[in-house]
Amino acid sequence: MEDKETQVVTESSIRSVLKGFTWRLVATFSTMVIAYLITGETKTALKIGGIEFVAKIAIYYVHERIWLRIPFGKRTVPQTAEFEI
């Protein structure tokens, strides 16, 4: 039985998906800019960005879910604690 005074902070699957999606938007845009600067071709840059977006969002999701199972660096905090960002 879990102590009512503590809780383990975790993330839901949907939160991991949303984090992955927003990060992929930022990262894919930067990849497309780099691809354009290297190739000078908009069509090629968009293709590279599209492939990269789909592949890496799946890889990120798996990576995130694996790390949630690793206890390293996790700690319990009092249930009444206030969180600051």
N, C-alpha and C. Protein backbone atom coordinates (compact mmCIF):
# COMPACT_ATOMS: atom_id res chain seq x y z
N MET A 1 0.84 -1.20 0.00
CA MET A 1 0.00 0.00 0.00
C MET A 1 0.88 1.25 0.00
N GLU A 2 0.52 2.24 -0.82
CA GLU A 2 1.32 3.46 -0.95
C GLU A 2 1.04 4.42 0.20
N ASP A 3 2.08 5.03 0.71
CA ASP A 3 1.95 6.03 1.76
C ASP A 3 1.22 7.25 1.21
N LYS A 4 0.20 7.74 1.93
CA LYS A 4 -0.58 8.88 1.46
C LYS A 4 0.20 10.19 1.51
N GLU A 5 1.33 10.19 2.18
CA GLU A 5 2.13 11.40 2.31
C GLU A 5 3.07 11.62 1.14
N THR A 6 3.27 10.60 0.31
CA THR A 6 4.19 10.75 -0.81
C THR A 6 3.54 10.30 -2.10
N GLN A 7 4.08 10.76 -3.18
CA GLN A 7 3.64 10.32 -4.50
C GLN A 7 4.83 10.29 -5.44
N VAL A 8 4.78 9.42 -6.42
CA VAL A 8 5.82 9.36 -7.43
C VAL A 8 5.31 10.15 -8.62
N VAL A 9 6.11 11.08 -9.09
CA VAL A 9 5.71 11.90 -10.23
C VAL A 9 6.00 11.12 -11.51
N THR A 10 4.97 10.89 -12.30
CA THR A 10 5.12 10.19 -13.57
C THR A 10 4.38 10.97 -14.65
N GLU A 11 4.49 10.50 -15.86
CA GLU A 11 3.79 11.13 -16.98
C GLU A 11 2.90 10.11 -17.66
N SER A 12 1.79 10.59 -18.19
CA SER A 12 0.89 9.72 -18.94
C SER A 12 1.45 9.51 -20.35
N SER A 13 0.93 8.50 -21.02
CA SER A 13 1.35 8.23 -22.40
C SER A 13 1.00 9.40 -23.30
N ILE A 14 -0.17 10.00 -23.11
CA ILE A 14 -0.59 11.11 -23.98
C ILE A 14 0.33 12.32 -23.79
N ARG A 15 0.80 12.55 -22.57
CA ARG A 15 1.74 13.66 -22.34
C ARG A 15 3.03 13.41 -23.11
N SER A 16 3.52 12.17 -23.08
CA SER A 16 4.73 11.83 -23.83
C SER A 16 4.52 12.04 -25.32
N VAL A 17 3.36 11.67 -25.81
CA VAL A 17 3.05 11.86 -27.24
C VAL A 17 3.03 13.34 -27.59
N LEU A 18 2.38 14.16 -26.78
CA LEU A 18 2.31 15.60 -27.06
C LEU A 18 3.68 16.27 -26.97
N LYS A 19 4.49 15.87 -25.99
CA LYS A 19 5.84 16.40 -25.90
C LYS A 19 6.64 16.03 -27.14
N GLY A 20 6.51 14.79 -27.55
CA GLY A 20 7.21 14.33 -28.74
C GLY A 20 6.78 15.08 -29.99
N PHE A 21 5.48 15.30 -30.12
CA PHE A 21 4.95 15.99 -31.30
C PHE A 21 5.43 17.43 -31.38
N THR A 22 5.34 18.18 -30.29
CA THR A 22 5.78 19.58 -30.32
C THR A 22 7.28 19.69 -30.54
N TRP A 23 8.05 18.78 -29.94
CA TRP A 23 9.49 18.80 -30.18
C TRP A 23 9.79 18.49 -31.63
N ARG A 24 9.08 17.53 -32.21
CA ARG A 24 9.31 17.17 -33.60
C ARG A 24 9.03 18.34 -34.53
N LEU A 25 8.03 19.15 -34.23
CA LEU A 25 7.77 20.32 -35.07
C LEU A 25 8.99 21.24 -35.10
N VAL A 26 9.54 21.52 -33.94
CA VAL A 26 10.72 22.39 -33.85
C VAL A 26 11.93 21.74 -34.53
N ALA A 27 12.18 20.49 -34.21
CA ALA A 27 13.36 19.81 -34.75
C ALA A 27 13.25 19.58 -36.26
N THR A 28 12.06 19.26 -36.75
CA THR A 28 11.88 19.04 -38.18
C THR A 28 12.08 20.33 -38.96
N PHE A 29 11.59 21.43 -38.43
CA PHE A 29 11.79 22.71 -39.09
C PHE A 29 13.28 23.01 -39.23
N SER A 30 14.02 22.79 -38.14
CA SER A 30 15.46 23.06 -38.22
C SER A 30 16.15 22.10 -39.20
N THR A 31 15.71 20.86 -39.26
CA THR A 31 16.28 19.90 -40.22
C THR A 31 16.01 20.36 -41.65
N MET A 32 14.80 20.84 -41.91
CA MET A 32 14.47 21.31 -43.26
C MET A 32 15.31 22.52 -43.65
N VAL A 33 15.54 23.41 -42.71
CA VAL A 33 16.38 24.58 -42.99
C VAL A 33 17.80 24.13 -43.32
N ILE A 34 18.34 23.22 -42.52
CA ILE A 34 19.69 22.72 -42.78
C ILE A 34 19.75 22.00 -44.13
N ALA A 35 18.75 21.16 -44.41
CA ALA A 35 18.72 20.44 -45.69
C ALA A 35 18.66 21.41 -46.86
N TYR A 36 17.89 22.47 -46.71
CA TYR A 36 17.79 23.47 -47.77
C TYR A 36 19.13 24.19 -47.97
N LEU A 37 19.78 24.54 -46.85
CA LEU A 37 21.07 25.23 -46.95
C LEU A 37 22.12 24.35 -47.63
N ILE A 38 22.05 23.05 -47.40
CA ILE A 38 23.02 22.12 -48.01
C ILE A 38 22.69 21.86 -49.48
N THR A 39 21.40 21.61 -49.78
CA THR A 39 21.03 21.21 -51.14
C THR A 39 20.59 22.37 -52.02
N GLY A 40 20.05 23.41 -51.41
CA GLY A 40 19.50 24.53 -52.18
C GLY A 40 18.18 24.17 -52.85
N GLU A 41 17.60 23.03 -52.49
CA GLU A 41 16.37 22.57 -53.11
C GLU A 41 15.25 22.46 -52.08
N THR A 42 14.19 23.23 -52.29
CA THR A 42 13.06 23.22 -51.37
C THR A 42 12.38 21.85 -51.33
N LYS A 43 12.17 21.24 -52.48
CA LYS A 43 11.48 19.95 -52.55
C LYS A 43 12.25 18.87 -51.78
N THR A 44 13.55 18.84 -51.95
CA THR A 44 14.38 17.86 -51.23
C THR A 44 14.34 18.12 -49.73
N ALA A 45 14.43 19.38 -49.33
CA ALA A 45 14.39 19.74 -47.90
C ALA A 45 13.06 19.31 -47.28
N LEU A 46 11.95 19.49 -48.00
CA LEU A 46 10.64 19.08 -47.48
C LEU A 46 10.53 17.57 -47.38
N LYS A 47 11.07 16.85 -48.35
CA LYS A 47 11.06 15.38 -48.29
C LYS A 47 11.85 14.88 -47.09
N ILE A 48 13.04 15.42 -46.91
CA ILE A 48 13.88 15.02 -45.78
C ILE A 48 13.15 15.32 -44.47
N GLY A 49 12.57 16.49 -44.37
CA GLY A 49 11.83 16.87 -43.16
C GLY A 49 10.65 15.96 -42.89
N GLY A 50 9.92 15.59 -43.94
CA GLY A 50 8.76 14.71 -43.77
C GLY A 50 9.14 13.33 -43.27
N ILE A 51 10.18 12.75 -43.86
CA ILE A 51 10.64 11.43 -43.43
C ILE A 51 11.16 11.49 -42.00
N GLU A 52 11.93 12.52 -41.72
CA GLU A 52 12.52 12.69 -40.40
C GLU A 52 11.43 12.86 -39.34
N PHE A 53 10.37 13.60 -39.64
CA PHE A 53 9.29 13.84 -38.69
C PHE A 53 8.64 12.54 -38.25
N VAL A 54 8.24 11.74 -39.20
CA VAL A 54 7.54 10.49 -38.90
C VAL A 54 8.44 9.50 -38.16
N ALA A 55 9.66 9.33 -38.64
CA ALA A 55 10.57 8.37 -38.02
C ALA A 55 10.96 8.77 -36.60
N LYS A 56 11.31 10.01 -36.43
CA LYS A 56 11.85 10.41 -35.13
C LYS A 56 10.79 10.60 -34.05
N ILE A 57 9.55 10.89 -34.41
CA ILE A 57 8.52 10.98 -33.37
C ILE A 57 8.27 9.60 -32.77
N ALA A 58 8.30 8.57 -33.60
CA ALA A 58 8.15 7.20 -33.09
C ALA A 58 9.33 6.81 -32.22
N ILE A 59 10.53 7.13 -32.66
CA ILE A 59 11.73 6.82 -31.88
C ILE A 59 11.72 7.57 -30.55
N TYR A 60 11.32 8.83 -30.57
CA TYR A 60 11.26 9.62 -29.33
C TYR A 60 10.27 9.03 -28.35
N TYR A 61 9.10 8.63 -28.81
CA TYR A 61 8.08 8.06 -27.93
C TYR A 61 8.62 6.81 -27.23
N VAL A 62 9.23 5.91 -27.98
CA VAL A 62 9.79 4.70 -27.40
C VAL A 62 10.87 5.05 -26.38
N HIS A 63 11.75 5.98 -26.73
CA HIS A 63 12.82 6.42 -25.83
C HIS A 63 12.24 6.97 -24.53
N GLU A 64 11.24 7.82 -24.63
CA GLU A 64 10.60 8.43 -23.46
C GLU A 64 9.98 7.37 -22.56
N ARG A 65 9.28 6.42 -23.13
CA ARG A 65 8.62 5.38 -22.35
C ARG A 65 9.64 4.46 -21.68
N ILE A 66 10.74 4.19 -22.32
CA ILE A 66 11.80 3.39 -21.69
C ILE A 66 12.36 4.13 -20.49
N TRP A 67 12.65 5.42 -20.64
CA TRP A 67 13.22 6.20 -19.54
C TRP A 67 12.27 6.30 -18.35
N LEU A 68 10.96 6.27 -18.59
CA LEU A 68 10.01 6.30 -17.48
C LEU A 68 10.11 5.03 -16.62
N ARG A 69 10.60 3.95 -17.17
CA ARG A 69 10.75 2.69 -16.45
C ARG A 69 12.08 2.61 -15.69
N ILE A 70 12.99 3.51 -15.95
CA ILE A 70 14.30 3.49 -15.30
C ILE A 70 14.23 4.32 -14.02
N PRO A 71 14.55 3.72 -12.87
CA PRO A 71 14.40 4.44 -11.61
C PRO A 71 15.47 5.51 -11.36
N PHE A 72 16.56 5.49 -12.11
CA PHE A 72 17.65 6.45 -11.90
C PHE A 72 17.14 7.89 -11.90
N GLY A 73 17.45 8.64 -10.86
CA GLY A 73 17.12 10.05 -10.78
C GLY A 73 15.70 10.37 -10.36
N LYS A 74 14.87 9.37 -10.14
CA LYS A 74 13.50 9.62 -9.68
C LYS A 74 13.50 9.72 -8.17
N ARG A 75 12.59 10.50 -7.65
CA ARG A 75 12.45 10.61 -6.21
C ARG A 75 10.99 10.83 -5.87
N THR A 76 10.64 10.55 -4.66
CA THR A 76 9.28 10.80 -4.21
C THR A 76 9.25 12.17 -3.56
N VAL A 77 8.11 12.80 -3.67
CA VAL A 77 7.95 14.14 -3.09
C VAL A 77 6.69 14.15 -2.24
N PRO A 78 6.65 15.00 -1.24
CA PRO A 78 5.43 15.09 -0.42
C PRO A 78 4.24 15.48 -1.30
N GLN A 79 3.09 14.91 -1.00
CA GLN A 79 1.90 15.15 -1.79
C GLN A 79 1.48 16.62 -1.76
N THR A 80 1.78 17.32 -0.69
CA THR A 80 1.39 18.71 -0.55
C THR A 80 2.42 19.68 -1.09
N ALA A 81 3.48 19.17 -1.68
CA ALA A 81 4.55 20.06 -2.16
C ALA A 81 4.07 20.94 -3.31
N GLU A 82 4.54 22.17 -3.34
CA GLU A 82 4.26 23.07 -4.44
C GLU A 82 5.40 23.00 -5.43
N PHE A 83 5.06 22.96 -6.70
CA PHE A 83 6.09 22.82 -7.72
C PHE A 83 6.38 24.18 -8.36
N GLU A 84 7.64 24.42 -8.60
CA GLU A 84 8.06 25.65 -9.28
C GLU A 84 8.75 25.27 -10.57
N ILE A 85 8.58 26.11 -11.54
CA ILE A 85 9.25 25.90 -12.84
C ILE A 85 10.32 26.93 -13.00
